Amino acid sequence: MTLPASGPISTDQILAELRTANPNRNYPLSTLDADVLALAGKSGPPLKMPDDFWGKSSTVTFSVTAQHASESADTRFGPGSVTCTPGVTAAGGTGTKTYSWVVLSNSSGATVTLGTGPSVNVRATYRQNENGSAVVTLRCTVTDQAGQQRVVDVTGTLTWARGDL
């Protein structure tokens, strides 16, 4: 549903439109609510009724793109570690996003530091002159403030080897 392009708009109509994206949305409505501001196309108050809501729809495009990462290291010069930072980029949606990460596979035993942000750290240590690799597959669930979720899988790849081979 889309709000009328002209004429009066009631708070009942605004609530009905917000419920198309979030069926659990109820009163009270506030001009400070992220979903009300997003519907009006504003980052903050003041809102002008009904002008800011004419023709607006709460059907918000929400997408998440995987940002795969890879790094390599030369082991000729001693022991060390190699780190990459795979992540996601969220676009659209409503309000603040939350990020939930899980490891799907990590057969090489790399160290994975999960957090609540849009990226994670994948790290492996190596010995001098050692050759090896690690591939870690992760899943990120991104939830926007209206409760919409998007899930994407991301890969972090690490390699280490003697640079003269």
N, C-alpha and C. Protein backbone atom coordinates (compact mmCIF):
# COMPACT_ATOMS: atom_id res chain seq x y z
N MET A 1 0.85 -1.17 0.00
CA MET A 1 0.00 0.00 0.00
C MET A 1 0.90 1.23 0.00
N THR A 2 0.46 2.29 -0.63
CA THR A 2 1.16 3.56 -0.63
C THR A 2 0.19 4.62 -0.12
N LEU A 3 0.71 5.58 0.65
CA LEU A 3 -0.14 6.65 1.16
C LEU A 3 -0.61 7.55 0.02
N PRO A 4 -1.74 8.25 0.20
CA PRO A 4 -2.24 9.13 -0.85
C PRO A 4 -1.20 10.17 -1.28
N ALA A 5 -1.27 10.58 -2.55
CA ALA A 5 -0.32 11.55 -3.10
C ALA A 5 -0.73 12.99 -2.78
N SER A 6 -1.93 13.17 -2.28
CA SER A 6 -2.38 14.52 -1.90
C SER A 6 -3.53 14.37 -0.91
N GLY A 7 -3.91 15.51 -0.31
CA GLY A 7 -5.03 15.50 0.62
C GLY A 7 -4.61 15.11 2.02
N PRO A 8 -5.61 14.97 2.91
CA PRO A 8 -5.30 14.65 4.31
C PRO A 8 -4.82 13.20 4.46
N ILE A 9 -3.98 13.00 5.46
CA ILE A 9 -3.50 11.66 5.83
C ILE A 9 -3.66 11.52 7.34
N SER A 10 -4.30 10.46 7.76
CA SER A 10 -4.52 10.25 9.20
C SER A 10 -3.41 9.40 9.81
N THR A 11 -3.32 9.45 11.13
CA THR A 11 -2.35 8.59 11.82
C THR A 11 -2.72 7.12 11.63
N ASP A 12 -4.00 6.81 11.47
CA ASP A 12 -4.41 5.42 11.18
C ASP A 12 -3.83 4.96 9.85
N GLN A 13 -3.82 5.85 8.84
CA GLN A 13 -3.25 5.50 7.54
C GLN A 13 -1.74 5.30 7.64
N ILE A 14 -1.09 6.16 8.42
CA ILE A 14 0.37 6.02 8.61
C ILE A 14 0.67 4.71 9.30
N LEU A 15 -0.08 4.38 10.35
CA LEU A 15 0.13 3.11 11.05
C LEU A 15 -0.12 1.93 10.13
N ALA A 16 -1.17 1.98 9.32
CA ALA A 16 -1.45 0.88 8.39
C ALA A 16 -0.30 0.71 7.41
N GLU A 17 0.27 1.82 6.94
CA GLU A 17 1.40 1.74 6.01
C GLU A 17 2.64 1.16 6.71
N LEU A 18 2.90 1.57 7.93
CA LEU A 18 4.04 1.03 8.67
C LEU A 18 3.88 -0.47 8.92
N ARG A 19 2.66 -0.92 9.08
CA ARG A 19 2.41 -2.35 9.31
C ARG A 19 2.70 -3.20 8.08
N THR A 20 2.77 -2.61 6.90
CA THR A 20 3.13 -3.41 5.71
C THR A 20 4.57 -3.89 5.82
N ALA A 21 5.43 -3.12 6.50
CA ALA A 21 6.82 -3.53 6.69
C ALA A 21 7.02 -4.24 8.03
N ASN A 22 6.20 -3.91 9.02
CA ASN A 22 6.33 -4.48 10.36
C ASN A 22 4.94 -4.73 10.92
N PRO A 23 4.41 -5.94 10.71
CA PRO A 23 3.03 -6.23 11.14
C PRO A 23 2.78 -6.04 12.63
N ASN A 24 3.83 -6.03 13.44
CA ASN A 24 3.66 -5.88 14.89
C ASN A 24 3.64 -4.42 15.34
N ARG A 25 3.78 -3.49 14.41
CA ARG A 25 3.82 -2.06 14.76
C ARG A 25 2.46 -1.61 15.28
N ASN A 26 2.45 -0.88 16.38
CA ASN A 26 1.23 -0.38 17.00
C ASN A 26 1.41 1.05 17.44
N TYR A 27 0.35 1.63 17.95
CA TYR A 27 0.42 2.94 18.59
C TYR A 27 1.22 2.80 19.86
N PRO A 28 1.78 3.84 20.40
CA PRO A 28 1.68 5.21 19.91
C PRO A 28 2.71 5.47 18.81
N LEU A 29 2.36 6.37 17.92
CA LEU A 29 3.29 6.85 16.91
C LEU A 29 3.93 8.12 17.44
N SER A 30 5.20 8.29 17.14
CA SER A 30 5.92 9.48 17.58
C SER A 30 6.74 10.02 16.42
N THR A 31 6.91 11.31 16.38
CA THR A 31 7.75 11.91 15.33
C THR A 31 9.22 11.60 15.56
N LEU A 32 9.55 10.95 16.67
CA LEU A 32 10.93 10.53 16.93
C LEU A 32 11.18 9.07 16.55
N ASP A 33 10.12 8.31 16.24
CA ASP A 33 10.26 6.90 15.87
C ASP A 33 11.03 6.78 14.56
N ALA A 34 12.01 5.89 14.55
CA ALA A 34 12.83 5.70 13.35
C ALA A 34 11.98 5.31 12.15
N ASP A 35 10.98 4.44 12.35
CA ASP A 35 10.18 4.01 11.20
C ASP A 35 9.26 5.12 10.68
N VAL A 36 8.77 5.98 11.56
CA VAL A 36 7.95 7.12 11.13
C VAL A 36 8.82 8.10 10.35
N LEU A 37 10.01 8.39 10.88
CA LEU A 37 10.93 9.29 10.17
C LEU A 37 11.34 8.71 8.82
N ALA A 38 11.63 7.40 8.79
CA ALA A 38 12.03 6.77 7.52
C ALA A 38 10.90 6.85 6.50
N LEU A 39 9.67 6.61 6.93
CA LEU A 39 8.54 6.70 6.03
C LEU A 39 8.41 8.11 5.45
N ALA A 40 8.65 9.12 6.27
CA ALA A 40 8.57 10.51 5.83
C ALA A 40 9.79 10.93 5.02
N GLY A 41 10.83 10.08 5.01
CA GLY A 41 12.05 10.43 4.27
C GLY A 41 12.89 11.46 5.00
N LYS A 42 12.80 11.47 6.32
CA LYS A 42 13.52 12.46 7.14
C LYS A 42 14.50 11.74 8.06
N SER A 43 15.58 12.45 8.42
CA SER A 43 16.52 11.91 9.39
C SER A 43 16.19 12.35 10.80
N GLY A 44 15.29 13.33 10.93
CA GLY A 44 14.88 13.79 12.24
C GLY A 44 13.73 14.78 12.12
N PRO A 45 13.13 15.14 13.27
CA PRO A 45 12.04 16.11 13.23
C PRO A 45 12.59 17.47 12.79
N PRO A 46 11.74 18.38 12.37
CA PRO A 46 10.28 18.32 12.42
C PRO A 46 9.70 17.65 11.19
N LEU A 47 8.49 17.13 11.35
CA LEU A 47 7.73 16.56 10.24
C LEU A 47 6.59 17.50 9.90
N LYS A 48 6.29 17.60 8.62
CA LYS A 48 5.19 18.45 8.18
C LYS A 48 4.06 17.53 7.71
N MET A 49 2.93 17.62 8.42
CA MET A 49 1.76 16.80 8.08
C MET A 49 0.86 17.58 7.13
N PRO A 50 0.33 16.99 6.13
CA PRO A 50 0.56 15.63 5.65
C PRO A 50 1.64 15.57 4.58
N ASP A 51 2.22 16.73 4.24
CA ASP A 51 3.12 16.86 3.09
C ASP A 51 4.24 15.82 3.07
N ASP A 52 4.89 15.58 4.23
CA ASP A 52 6.04 14.67 4.27
C ASP A 52 5.65 13.21 4.03
N PHE A 53 4.35 12.91 4.08
CA PHE A 53 3.91 11.52 3.91
C PHE A 53 3.22 11.26 2.58
N TRP A 54 2.95 12.30 1.79
CA TRP A 54 2.25 12.11 0.52
C TRP A 54 3.01 11.17 -0.40
N GLY A 55 2.33 10.14 -0.86
CA GLY A 55 2.90 9.20 -1.83
C GLY A 55 3.95 8.27 -1.29
N LYS A 56 4.15 8.24 0.02
CA LYS A 56 5.22 7.43 0.62
C LYS A 56 4.74 6.00 0.85
N SER A 57 5.71 5.09 0.80
CA SER A 57 5.45 3.67 1.05
C SER A 57 6.49 3.15 2.01
N SER A 58 6.08 2.29 2.92
CA SER A 58 7.04 1.73 3.87
C SER A 58 7.70 0.47 3.34
N THR A 59 7.40 0.13 2.10
CA THR A 59 8.11 -0.98 1.49
C THR A 59 9.52 -0.49 1.20
N VAL A 60 10.43 -0.84 2.07
CA VAL A 60 11.79 -0.33 2.01
C VAL A 60 12.72 -1.41 1.47
N THR A 61 13.49 -1.05 0.48
CA THR A 61 14.48 -1.97 -0.04
C THR A 61 15.55 -2.18 1.03
N PHE A 62 15.88 -3.42 1.28
CA PHE A 62 16.88 -3.75 2.30
C PHE A 62 17.75 -4.85 1.71
N SER A 63 19.01 -4.56 1.52
CA SER A 63 19.90 -5.56 0.94
C SER A 63 21.19 -5.63 1.75
N VAL A 64 21.80 -6.80 1.68
CA VAL A 64 23.09 -7.02 2.35
C VAL A 64 24.02 -7.68 1.33
N THR A 65 25.20 -7.11 1.19
CA THR A 65 26.19 -7.60 0.24
C THR A 65 27.40 -8.16 0.99
N ALA A 66 27.85 -9.34 0.58
CA ALA A 66 29.03 -9.96 1.19
C ALA A 66 30.30 -9.24 0.75
N GLN A 67 31.20 -9.06 1.69
CA GLN A 67 32.52 -8.49 1.42
C GLN A 67 33.55 -9.56 1.79
N HIS A 68 33.81 -10.46 0.83
CA HIS A 68 34.78 -11.53 1.06
C HIS A 68 36.17 -10.90 1.24
N ALA A 69 37.05 -11.59 1.96
CA ALA A 69 38.38 -11.04 2.19
C ALA A 69 39.42 -12.12 2.09
N SER A 70 40.62 -11.73 1.66
CA SER A 70 41.74 -12.67 1.62
C SER A 70 43.03 -11.90 1.87
N GLU A 71 43.97 -12.60 2.48
CA GLU A 71 45.29 -12.04 2.75
C GLU A 71 46.31 -13.16 2.63
N SER A 72 47.54 -12.77 2.36
CA SER A 72 48.63 -13.76 2.28
C SER A 72 49.86 -13.22 3.00
N ALA A 73 50.76 -14.14 3.33
CA ALA A 73 51.98 -13.76 4.04
C ALA A 73 53.16 -14.58 3.51
N ASP A 74 54.32 -13.95 3.54
CA ASP A 74 55.57 -14.60 3.15
C ASP A 74 56.25 -15.11 4.42
N THR A 75 56.50 -16.41 4.49
CA THR A 75 57.02 -17.01 5.72
C THR A 75 58.55 -17.10 5.77
N ARG A 76 59.24 -16.58 4.75
CA ARG A 76 60.70 -16.68 4.72
C ARG A 76 61.37 -15.95 5.88
N PHE A 77 60.75 -14.92 6.42
CA PHE A 77 61.43 -14.03 7.36
C PHE A 77 61.12 -14.32 8.82
N GLY A 78 60.46 -15.44 9.07
CA GLY A 78 60.21 -15.82 10.45
C GLY A 78 58.75 -16.18 10.69
N PRO A 79 58.45 -16.59 11.91
CA PRO A 79 57.07 -16.92 12.26
C PRO A 79 56.23 -15.63 12.33
N GLY A 80 54.92 -15.81 12.25
CA GLY A 80 54.04 -14.64 12.32
C GLY A 80 52.59 -15.04 12.20
N SER A 81 51.79 -14.09 11.79
CA SER A 81 50.37 -14.36 11.61
C SER A 81 49.87 -13.55 10.42
N VAL A 82 48.76 -14.00 9.88
CA VAL A 82 48.10 -13.32 8.77
C VAL A 82 46.63 -13.19 9.13
N THR A 83 46.06 -12.01 8.84
CA THR A 83 44.69 -11.70 9.24
C THR A 83 43.93 -11.10 8.07
N CYS A 84 42.65 -11.46 7.96
CA CYS A 84 41.76 -10.78 7.01
C CYS A 84 40.47 -10.42 7.72
N THR A 85 39.72 -9.51 7.13
CA THR A 85 38.51 -9.00 7.76
C THR A 85 37.33 -9.07 6.80
N PRO A 86 36.69 -10.24 6.67
CA PRO A 86 35.48 -10.32 5.86
C PRO A 86 34.33 -9.60 6.56
N GLY A 87 33.37 -9.14 5.77
CA GLY A 87 32.25 -8.43 6.37
C GLY A 87 31.08 -8.33 5.42
N VAL A 88 30.15 -7.47 5.77
CA VAL A 88 28.96 -7.23 4.96
C VAL A 88 28.70 -5.74 4.88
N THR A 89 27.99 -5.34 3.83
CA THR A 89 27.52 -3.98 3.69
C THR A 89 26.01 -4.03 3.59
N ALA A 90 25.34 -3.34 4.51
CA ALA A 90 23.87 -3.31 4.52
C ALA A 90 23.42 -1.98 3.93
N ALA A 91 22.41 -2.06 3.06
CA ALA A 91 21.86 -0.86 2.44
C ALA A 91 20.34 -0.87 2.57
N GLY A 92 19.78 0.28 2.85
CA GLY A 92 18.33 0.39 2.98
C GLY A 92 17.86 -0.11 4.32
N GLY A 93 16.66 -0.62 4.34
CA GLY A 93 16.07 -1.06 5.59
C GLY A 93 15.64 0.13 6.43
N THR A 94 15.27 -0.16 7.64
CA THR A 94 14.76 0.87 8.54
C THR A 94 15.63 0.97 9.77
N GLY A 95 16.09 2.14 10.07
CA GLY A 95 16.79 2.41 11.33
C GLY A 95 18.11 1.67 11.48
N THR A 96 18.47 1.49 12.74
CA THR A 96 19.73 0.85 13.12
C THR A 96 19.70 -0.64 12.78
N LYS A 97 20.84 -1.17 12.34
CA LYS A 97 20.98 -2.58 12.01
C LYS A 97 21.72 -3.30 13.13
N THR A 98 21.37 -4.59 13.34
CA THR A 98 22.15 -5.45 14.22
C THR A 98 22.72 -6.58 13.38
N TYR A 99 23.88 -7.08 13.79
CA TYR A 99 24.61 -8.09 13.04
C TYR A 99 24.86 -9.30 13.94
N SER A 100 24.50 -10.48 13.45
CA SER A 100 24.71 -11.71 14.20
C SER A 100 25.51 -12.66 13.31
N TRP A 101 26.66 -13.12 13.81
CA TRP A 101 27.58 -13.95 13.03
C TRP A 101 27.66 -15.37 13.59
N VAL A 102 27.79 -16.36 12.70
CA VAL A 102 28.10 -17.73 13.08
C VAL A 102 29.13 -18.28 12.10
N VAL A 103 29.95 -19.20 12.59
CA VAL A 103 30.94 -19.87 11.74
C VAL A 103 30.29 -21.11 11.14
N LEU A 104 30.29 -21.19 9.81
CA LEU A 104 29.74 -22.37 9.13
C LEU A 104 30.80 -23.44 8.93
N SER A 105 32.02 -23.03 8.59
CA SER A 105 33.11 -23.99 8.43
C SER A 105 34.44 -23.32 8.71
N ASN A 106 35.33 -24.09 9.31
CA ASN A 106 36.67 -23.61 9.65
C ASN A 106 37.57 -24.83 9.82
N SER A 107 37.76 -25.57 8.74
CA SER A 107 38.48 -26.84 8.81
C SER A 107 39.95 -26.68 9.16
N SER A 108 40.53 -25.52 8.94
CA SER A 108 41.95 -25.32 9.22
C SER A 108 42.22 -24.80 10.62
N GLY A 109 41.16 -24.54 11.39
CA GLY A 109 41.34 -24.10 12.77
C GLY A 109 41.84 -22.68 12.92
N ALA A 110 41.53 -21.81 11.98
CA ALA A 110 41.91 -20.41 12.11
C ALA A 110 41.18 -19.80 13.31
N THR A 111 41.73 -18.74 13.86
CA THR A 111 41.10 -18.04 14.97
C THR A 111 40.10 -17.05 14.38
N VAL A 112 38.85 -17.14 14.81
CA VAL A 112 37.80 -16.26 14.30
C VAL A 112 37.27 -15.45 15.48
N THR A 113 37.30 -14.12 15.33
CA THR A 113 36.78 -13.23 16.36
C THR A 113 35.46 -12.66 15.86
N LEU A 114 34.36 -13.20 16.42
CA LEU A 114 33.04 -12.73 16.05
C LEU A 114 32.69 -11.52 16.91
N GLY A 115 31.83 -10.68 16.39
CA GLY A 115 31.39 -9.52 17.14
C GLY A 115 29.95 -9.20 16.77
N THR A 116 29.55 -8.00 17.04
CA THR A 116 28.19 -7.57 16.73
C THR A 116 28.18 -6.48 15.66
N GLY A 117 29.28 -6.31 14.98
CA GLY A 117 29.39 -5.30 13.93
C GLY A 117 29.34 -5.91 12.55
N PRO A 118 29.58 -5.10 11.52
CA PRO A 118 29.47 -5.57 10.14
C PRO A 118 30.67 -6.36 9.62
N SER A 119 31.67 -6.64 10.46
CA SER A 119 32.81 -7.44 10.01
C SER A 119 33.35 -8.29 11.15
N VAL A 120 34.16 -9.28 10.77
CA VAL A 120 34.82 -10.17 11.74
C VAL A 120 36.29 -10.28 11.38
N ASN A 121 37.10 -10.80 12.31
CA ASN A 121 38.52 -11.02 12.05
C ASN A 121 38.80 -12.51 11.97
N VAL A 122 39.57 -12.88 10.95
CA VAL A 122 40.02 -14.26 10.78
C VAL A 122 41.54 -14.22 10.79
N ARG A 123 42.15 -15.07 11.64
CA ARG A 123 43.61 -15.00 11.84
C ARG A 123 44.20 -16.40 11.91
N ALA A 124 45.38 -16.55 11.34
CA ALA A 124 46.12 -17.80 11.44
C ALA A 124 47.58 -17.48 11.72
N THR A 125 48.22 -18.32 12.51
CA THR A 125 49.65 -18.15 12.79
C THR A 125 50.42 -19.18 11.97
N TYR A 126 51.67 -18.87 11.68
CA TYR A 126 52.50 -19.77 10.88
C TYR A 126 53.92 -19.76 11.42
N ARG A 127 54.68 -20.81 11.05
CA ARG A 127 56.09 -20.92 11.40
C ARG A 127 56.93 -20.49 10.20
N GLN A 128 58.17 -20.17 10.46
CA GLN A 128 59.07 -19.77 9.38
C GLN A 128 59.15 -20.87 8.33
N ASN A 129 59.10 -20.46 7.06
CA ASN A 129 59.21 -21.33 5.88
C ASN A 129 58.04 -22.30 5.73
N GLU A 130 56.97 -22.10 6.47
CA GLU A 130 55.82 -22.99 6.39
C GLU A 130 54.89 -22.54 5.26
N ASN A 131 54.23 -23.50 4.62
CA ASN A 131 53.21 -23.24 3.62
C ASN A 131 51.87 -23.72 4.16
N GLY A 132 50.81 -22.95 3.92
CA GLY A 132 49.50 -23.38 4.39
C GLY A 132 48.40 -22.42 3.97
N SER A 133 47.20 -22.80 4.32
CA SER A 133 46.05 -21.95 4.01
C SER A 133 44.92 -22.24 4.98
N ALA A 134 44.01 -21.30 5.05
CA ALA A 134 42.81 -21.45 5.87
C ALA A 134 41.66 -20.76 5.14
N VAL A 135 40.54 -21.45 5.09
CA VAL A 135 39.32 -20.87 4.51
C VAL A 135 38.23 -20.99 5.56
N VAL A 136 37.64 -19.86 5.90
CA VAL A 136 36.57 -19.82 6.90
C VAL A 136 35.31 -19.28 6.22
N THR A 137 34.21 -20.02 6.36
CA THR A 137 32.93 -19.56 5.84
C THR A 137 32.05 -19.16 7.01
N LEU A 138 31.50 -17.95 6.91
CA LEU A 138 30.69 -17.38 7.98
C LEU A 138 29.32 -17.01 7.44
N ARG A 139 28.36 -16.93 8.34
CA ARG A 139 27.02 -16.47 7.97
C ARG A 139 26.67 -15.27 8.85
N CYS A 140 26.21 -14.21 8.20
CA CYS A 140 25.79 -13.01 8.92
C CYS A 140 24.29 -12.80 8.71
N THR A 141 23.57 -12.62 9.81
CA THR A 141 22.17 -12.25 9.75
C THR A 141 22.08 -10.79 10.17
N VAL A 142 21.57 -9.96 9.27
CA VAL A 142 21.42 -8.54 9.54
C VAL A 142 19.94 -8.26 9.76
N THR A 143 19.63 -7.60 10.86
CA THR A 143 18.24 -7.27 11.20
C THR A 143 18.12 -5.76 11.31
N ASP A 144 17.12 -5.21 10.62
CA ASP A 144 16.91 -3.77 10.74
C ASP A 144 15.93 -3.49 11.88
N GLN A 145 15.69 -2.22 12.14
CA GLN A 145 14.88 -1.82 13.29
C GLN A 145 13.42 -2.26 13.15
N ALA A 146 12.96 -2.50 11.92
CA ALA A 146 11.58 -2.95 11.71
C ALA A 146 11.46 -4.47 11.81
N GLY A 147 12.59 -5.16 12.06
CA GLY A 147 12.56 -6.61 12.20
C GLY A 147 12.80 -7.37 10.91
N GLN A 148 13.05 -6.66 9.80
CA GLN A 148 13.37 -7.34 8.55
C GLN A 148 14.76 -7.96 8.67
N GLN A 149 14.93 -9.16 8.14
CA GLN A 149 16.23 -9.84 8.21
C GLN A 149 16.73 -10.20 6.83
N ARG A 150 18.03 -10.11 6.67
CA ARG A 150 18.71 -10.58 5.47
C ARG A 150 19.89 -11.43 5.93
N VAL A 151 20.13 -12.54 5.21
CA VAL A 151 21.20 -13.46 5.57
C VAL A 151 22.14 -13.59 4.39
N VAL A 152 23.44 -13.54 4.66
CA VAL A 152 24.43 -13.68 3.59
C VAL A 152 25.63 -14.46 4.14
N ASP A 153 26.21 -15.29 3.28
CA ASP A 153 27.41 -16.04 3.63
C ASP A 153 28.64 -15.31 3.11
N VAL A 154 29.71 -15.33 3.91
CA VAL A 154 30.92 -14.58 3.62
C VAL A 154 32.12 -15.51 3.84
N THR A 155 33.17 -15.32 3.04
CA THR A 155 34.36 -16.16 3.15
C THR A 155 35.59 -15.32 3.45
N GLY A 156 36.41 -15.83 4.37
CA GLY A 156 37.72 -15.26 4.65
C GLY A 156 38.77 -16.30 4.28
N THR A 157 39.74 -15.92 3.44
CA THR A 157 40.76 -16.85 2.96
C THR A 157 42.15 -16.33 3.34
N LEU A 158 42.94 -17.20 3.96
CA LEU A 158 44.31 -16.86 4.34
C LEU A 158 45.27 -17.85 3.69
N THR A 159 46.40 -17.34 3.21
CA THR A 159 47.45 -18.23 2.69
C THR A 159 48.79 -17.72 3.22
N TRP A 160 49.69 -18.66 3.43
CA TRP A 160 51.05 -18.32 3.84
C TRP A 160 52.00 -19.30 3.18
N ALA A 161 53.12 -18.79 2.71
CA ALA A 161 54.09 -19.62 2.00
C ALA A 161 55.42 -18.88 1.88
N ARG A 162 56.46 -19.66 1.59
CA ARG A 162 57.75 -19.06 1.27
C ARG A 162 57.59 -18.26 -0.02
N GLY A 163 57.95 -17.01 -0.01
CA GLY A 163 57.77 -16.13 -1.14
C GLY A 163 58.66 -16.45 -2.33
N ASP A 164 59.70 -17.27 -2.14
CA ASP A 164 60.61 -17.58 -3.25
C ASP A 164 60.26 -18.88 -3.97
N LEU A 165 59.14 -19.49 -3.59
CA LEU A 165 58.76 -20.76 -4.23
C LEU A 165 58.03 -20.52 -5.53
